[in-house]
Amino acid sequence: MNGSTLFRRTAAIAALTTAATLGASTATADQPKSPAETGIEQLTQAVADNTATDFDRAAAKTAVADIAKAAQLVAAAKLENVQFTPFSYLAPTLGCGFNMPFSLTSATAVTGFAAPNASVSLPAGNISFQVMAQQNGFPLSSGLTVAWLNVNNGRSGITALDDHTEYNLPTLSKTVDAGAGTVIASLWGTIDYPSARCVVLPTVGLSTVPDAPAPQATPAAPDASGATPSSVPATPAAPTTPAQAPNADNSGSGAPATTAPAAPAQTPGN
């Protein structure tokens, strides 16, 4: 093999390699992003824009990273109709609790699947997040935050759990319109009590939001007597029996009635 032949082959291999690289880059650039990828990008930008303190920034970054990992697992396992109400694990909590200075905080997510058993029925597409800390007394303020991502439609958000009761006490809960689909959420923040502050580290949950409200049982309407149809058992009709002929003593007989044959007519003179 002379030098010119080797040069031509080397140039051809280089050209093919360049073309393959450009083709792969073009294919990657043209491939559309999934809703989950779009939502994670939005969460990452929201963390950069809206977190003020160092703790909030670090916790928010951890939460978004956990959501991204969970989204990959959901896509790989093709999980659907996940009805886990509690979050995957209790959130480690510092500064309060029955075993100070360390305790665990419970986080839950309620969707339309649980609406018939809940005190308030949720509209379709809504999910409600709640927290319960191991601390006596009523909370005075909530610094809790939940980052959530719907991997099916790409909706996402970083939302404060700032709902209040009629007495202006924090409920440690929040309802968001995430739309139907599988929702991954990570929750963290602080809760202030009269004698303690709970610092809740991130925990991750996974739930499915239905696209229609859960069916509600419709009570049966009462009838004229005031009883519902379900409370009045059906009475079977009495069986009918063939008519029976009386005996000579006018008592009933178990045999059916019979008719005696007519006597033959008599002719005159016989």
Protein backbone atom coordinates (compact mmCIF):
# COMPACT_ATOMS: atom_id res chain seq x y z
CA MET A 1 0.00 0.00 0.00
CA ASN A 2 1.57 3.29 -1.10
CA GLY A 3 1.30 6.62 0.66
CA SER A 4 -1.39 8.09 -1.59
CA THR A 5 -3.70 5.10 -1.06
CA LEU A 6 -3.28 5.30 2.73
CA PHE A 7 -3.99 9.03 2.62
CA ARG A 8 -7.18 8.51 0.60
CA ARG A 9 -8.45 5.83 2.98
CA THR A 10 -7.68 7.95 6.04
CA ALA A 11 -9.50 10.90 4.49
CA ALA A 12 -12.52 8.72 3.66
CA ILE A 13 -12.71 7.35 7.22
CA ALA A 14 -12.46 10.87 8.64
CA ALA A 15 -15.25 12.08 6.35
CA LEU A 16 -17.51 9.18 7.35
CA THR A 17 -16.83 9.78 11.03
CA THR A 18 -17.62 13.49 10.69
CA ALA A 19 -20.85 12.76 8.82
CA ALA A 20 -21.95 10.24 11.44
CA THR A 21 -21.19 12.69 14.25
CA LEU A 22 -23.12 15.50 12.57
CA GLY A 23 -26.01 13.16 11.87
CA ALA A 24 -26.18 12.06 15.49
CA SER A 25 -26.02 15.66 16.68
CA THR A 26 -28.79 16.67 14.31
CA ALA A 27 -30.95 13.75 15.41
CA THR A 28 -30.38 14.65 19.08
CA ALA A 29 -31.17 18.29 18.45
CA ASP A 30 -34.33 17.47 16.53
CA GLN A 31 -35.61 15.02 19.16
CA PRO A 32 -38.39 16.75 21.15
CA LYS A 33 -38.16 16.92 24.91
CA SER A 34 -40.55 14.88 26.99
CA PRO A 35 -43.04 16.65 29.29
CA ALA A 36 -41.03 15.44 32.28
CA GLU A 37 -37.79 16.93 30.93
CA THR A 38 -39.52 20.25 30.27
CA GLY A 39 -40.98 20.29 33.77
CA ILE A 40 -37.62 19.54 35.38
CA GLU A 41 -36.02 22.42 33.47
CA GLN A 42 -38.78 24.73 34.73
CA LEU A 43 -38.26 23.55 38.31
CA THR A 44 -34.50 24.08 38.05
CA GLN A 45 -35.05 27.63 36.81
CA ALA A 46 -37.62 28.30 39.53
CA VAL A 47 -35.15 27.17 42.20
CA ALA A 48 -32.53 29.55 40.84
CA ASP A 49 -34.99 32.46 40.78
CA ASN A 50 -37.08 32.03 43.94
CA THR A 51 -34.90 30.58 46.71
CA ALA A 52 -33.56 33.16 49.14
CA THR A 53 -31.73 31.50 52.04
CA ASP A 54 -28.90 29.01 51.80
CA PHE A 55 -31.05 26.30 53.41
CA ASP A 56 -33.90 26.87 50.97
CA ARG A 57 -31.52 26.84 48.02
CA ALA A 58 -29.77 23.64 49.07
CA ALA A 59 -33.03 21.87 49.99
CA ALA A 60 -34.69 22.96 46.76
CA LYS A 61 -31.78 21.70 44.64
CA THR A 62 -31.90 18.38 46.50
CA ALA A 63 -35.66 18.17 45.97
CA VAL A 64 -35.42 18.83 42.23
CA ALA A 65 -32.60 16.28 41.89
CA ASP A 66 -34.74 13.70 43.73
CA ILE A 67 -37.68 14.45 41.43
CA ALA A 68 -35.48 14.03 38.34
CA LYS A 69 -34.25 10.63 39.58
CA ALA A 70 -37.80 9.53 40.41
CA ALA A 71 -38.99 10.64 36.97
CA GLN A 72 -36.36 8.41 35.35
CA LEU A 73 -37.52 5.46 37.45
CA VAL A 74 -41.16 6.12 36.57
CA ALA A 75 -40.33 6.23 32.86
CA ALA A 76 -38.21 3.08 33.05
CA ALA A 77 -40.78 1.08 35.04
CA LYS A 78 -43.76 2.59 33.17
CA LEU A 79 -45.59 3.16 36.44
CA GLU A 80 -49.26 4.13 36.25
CA ASN A 81 -52.16 4.35 38.70
CA VAL A 82 -49.84 4.74 41.69
CA GLN A 83 -52.05 5.23 44.74
CA PHE A 84 -49.45 5.61 47.49
CA THR A 85 -50.97 8.20 49.83
CA PRO A 86 -47.97 8.66 52.19
CA PHE A 87 -44.67 9.87 50.78
CA SER A 88 -42.02 7.23 50.19
CA TYR A 89 -40.34 7.82 53.56
CA LEU A 90 -40.75 9.97 56.66
CA ALA A 91 -38.88 13.25 56.42
CA PRO A 92 -35.92 13.60 58.81
CA THR A 93 -36.64 16.61 61.05
CA LEU A 94 -34.34 18.64 63.30
CA GLY A 95 -35.07 20.90 66.26
CA CYS A 96 -38.37 19.47 67.50
CA GLY A 97 -40.28 16.28 68.19
CA PHE A 98 -40.75 13.70 70.88
CA ASN A 99 -37.13 12.53 70.55
CA MET A 100 -35.39 15.88 70.31
CA PRO A 101 -33.31 17.05 68.60
CA PHE A 102 -34.24 14.51 65.91
CA SER A 103 -37.68 13.35 64.80
CA LEU A 104 -39.63 12.29 61.71
CA THR A 105 -42.36 14.17 59.84
CA SER A 106 -45.15 12.50 57.87
CA ALA A 107 -46.09 13.90 54.45
CA THR A 108 -49.08 12.69 52.44
CA ALA A 109 -50.74 13.42 49.11
CA VAL A 110 -54.50 13.05 48.61
CA THR A 111 -56.00 12.75 45.13
CA GLY A 112 -59.44 12.01 43.73
CA PHE A 113 -59.02 8.31 44.56
CA ALA A 114 -59.38 9.14 48.24
CA ALA A 115 -62.05 11.80 47.81
CA PRO A 116 -65.05 9.69 48.94
CA ASN A 117 -63.30 9.04 52.29
CA ALA A 118 -61.99 12.57 52.71
CA SER A 119 -63.73 15.43 54.49
CA VAL A 120 -63.60 17.53 51.31
CA SER A 121 -63.93 16.07 47.83
CA LEU A 122 -61.20 17.21 45.43
CA PRO A 123 -61.99 18.35 41.89
CA ALA A 124 -60.62 16.35 39.00
CA GLY A 125 -56.93 17.03 38.36
CA ASN A 126 -56.24 18.35 41.88
CA ILE A 127 -53.84 16.96 44.47
CA SER A 128 -53.58 18.04 48.10
CA PHE A 129 -50.33 17.85 50.12
CA GLN A 130 -50.37 17.65 53.92
CA VAL A 131 -47.75 17.42 56.68
CA MET A 132 -47.90 16.17 60.27
CA ALA A 133 -44.94 16.77 62.57
CA GLN A 134 -44.17 14.96 65.83
CA GLN A 135 -44.62 18.05 67.98
CA ASN A 136 -47.23 18.97 70.58
CA GLY A 137 -49.27 22.13 70.23
CA PHE A 138 -50.67 24.14 67.34
CA PRO A 139 -48.27 25.42 64.67
CA LEU A 140 -47.86 29.17 64.53
CA SER A 141 -46.46 29.49 61.01
CA SER A 142 -45.50 27.33 58.05
CA GLY A 143 -42.35 27.65 56.00
CA LEU A 144 -43.03 24.39 54.14
CA THR A 145 -42.60 24.12 50.38
CA VAL A 146 -43.48 21.38 47.90
CA ALA A 147 -41.92 20.98 44.45
CA TRP A 148 -44.06 18.86 42.16
CA LEU A 149 -43.93 17.55 38.60
CA ASN A 150 -46.57 15.81 36.48
CA VAL A 151 -44.51 13.53 34.23
CA ASN A 152 -47.43 13.06 31.80
CA ASN A 153 -48.34 16.66 30.98
CA GLY A 154 -45.19 18.51 32.07
CA ARG A 155 -46.91 20.76 34.62
CA SER A 156 -44.69 21.66 37.56
CA GLY A 157 -44.40 24.13 40.37
CA ILE A 158 -42.77 25.14 43.65
CA THR A 159 -45.64 25.91 46.01
CA ALA A 160 -45.78 27.02 49.65
CA LEU A 161 -47.99 25.04 52.03
CA ASP A 162 -49.62 28.23 53.31
CA ASP A 163 -53.32 27.37 53.73
CA HIS A 164 -54.93 28.54 56.99
CA THR A 165 -57.89 27.55 59.15
CA GLU A 166 -60.76 29.88 60.04
CA TYR A 167 -58.78 30.80 63.18
CA ASN A 168 -55.80 31.88 61.02
CA LEU A 169 -53.67 28.91 62.05
CA PRO A 170 -51.61 27.12 59.38
CA THR A 171 -53.09 23.84 58.17
CA LEU A 172 -49.69 22.64 56.87
CA SER A 173 -51.41 21.76 53.58
CA LYS A 174 -51.94 22.98 50.04
CA THR A 175 -54.01 21.88 47.03
CA VAL A 176 -52.66 22.39 43.50
CA ASP A 177 -54.07 21.78 40.04
CA ALA A 178 -51.51 19.38 38.61
CA GLY A 179 -53.79 17.83 35.99
CA ALA A 180 -54.32 14.13 35.40
CA GLY A 181 -51.23 11.93 35.42
CA THR A 182 -48.41 10.64 37.62
CA VAL A 183 -47.16 13.34 39.99
CA ILE A 184 -43.76 13.28 41.70
CA ALA A 185 -43.39 15.64 44.65
CA SER A 186 -40.65 16.58 47.10
CA LEU A 187 -41.43 18.48 50.30
CA TRP A 188 -39.24 20.36 52.77
CA GLY A 189 -39.15 23.49 54.95
CA THR A 190 -39.78 24.73 58.49
CA ILE A 191 -42.68 24.74 60.96
CA ASP A 192 -42.75 27.15 63.90
CA TYR A 193 -44.36 26.07 67.18
CA PRO A 194 -44.61 28.09 70.42
CA SER A 195 -41.52 26.40 71.86
CA ALA A 196 -39.69 24.92 68.88
CA ARG A 197 -38.90 25.16 65.18
CA CYS A 198 -39.05 22.02 63.05
CA VAL A 199 -36.57 21.91 60.19
CA VAL A 200 -37.98 19.33 57.74
CA LEU A 201 -35.50 17.83 55.28
CA PRO A 202 -36.71 16.78 51.79
CA THR A 203 -38.83 13.69 51.26
CA VAL A 204 -40.24 12.35 47.98
CA GLY A 205 -43.72 11.06 47.11
CA LEU A 206 -45.41 9.54 44.07
CA SER A 207 -49.16 9.64 43.29
CA THR A 208 -51.56 9.37 40.37
CA VAL A 209 -54.12 12.11 39.82
CA PRO A 210 -57.28 10.81 38.09
CA ASP A 211 -58.81 12.59 35.11
CA ALA A 212 -62.31 12.41 36.61
CA PRO A 213 -63.65 12.81 40.14
CA ALA A 214 -64.24 9.66 42.16
CA PRO A 215 -67.82 8.38 41.88
CA GLN A 216 -70.06 9.33 44.76
CA ALA A 217 -72.66 6.93 46.17
CA THR A 218 -76.20 8.19 45.50
CA PRO A 219 -78.67 7.41 48.30
CA ALA A 220 -81.91 5.73 47.25
CA ALA A 221 -85.05 7.87 47.37
CA PRO A 222 -87.62 6.83 50.02
CA ASP A 223 -90.98 5.49 48.91
CA ALA A 224 -94.41 6.64 50.10
CA SER A 225 -94.04 4.77 53.41
CA GLY A 226 -90.72 6.52 54.12
CA ALA A 227 -88.60 3.41 53.65
CA THR A 228 -85.89 3.18 51.07
CA PRO A 229 -86.12 0.43 48.44
CA SER A 230 -83.05 -1.25 49.88
CA SER A 231 -84.74 -1.56 53.30
CA VAL A 232 -87.91 -3.29 51.99
CA PRO A 233 -87.20 -6.92 51.12
CA ALA A 234 -88.92 -8.31 48.10
CA THR A 235 -91.73 -10.74 48.98
CA PRO A 236 -92.11 -13.70 46.61
CA ALA A 237 -95.56 -14.32 45.21
CA ALA A 238 -97.51 -17.14 46.86
CA PRO A 239 -97.80 -20.29 44.68
CA THR A 240 -101.20 -21.08 43.25
CA THR A 241 -102.82 -24.55 43.64
CA PRO A 242 -105.66 -26.18 41.65
CA ALA A 243 -109.18 -26.05 43.11
CA GLN A 244 -110.11 -28.96 45.39
CA ALA A 245 -113.54 -30.65 45.71
CA PRO A 246 -114.99 -31.05 49.22
CA ASN A 247 -115.49 -34.50 50.76
CA ALA A 248 -118.81 -35.78 52.05
CA ASP A 249 -118.08 -34.19 55.42
CA ASN A 250 -117.37 -30.87 53.65
CA SER A 251 -113.70 -31.14 54.57
CA GLY A 252 -111.07 -30.50 52.00
CA SER A 253 -109.46 -33.38 50.16
CA GLY A 254 -106.04 -33.68 48.72
CA ALA A 255 -107.41 -35.07 45.42
CA PRO A 256 -108.66 -32.81 42.65
CA ALA A 257 -112.44 -32.53 42.13
CA THR A 258 -114.07 -35.16 39.81
CA THR A 259 -117.43 -35.14 37.96
CA ALA A 260 -119.71 -38.24 37.97
CA PRO A 261 -120.80 -39.48 34.51
CA ALA A 262 -124.46 -38.73 33.52
CA ALA A 263 -127.00 -41.64 33.65
CA PRO A 264 -128.29 -42.91 30.26
CA ALA A 265 -131.72 -41.65 29.19
CA GLN A 266 -134.77 -44.06 29.73
CA THR A 267 -137.09 -44.82 26.76
CA PRO A 268 -140.92 -45.11 27.32
CA GLY A 269 -142.33 -48.63 27.82
CA ASN A 270 -139.09 -50.14 29.19
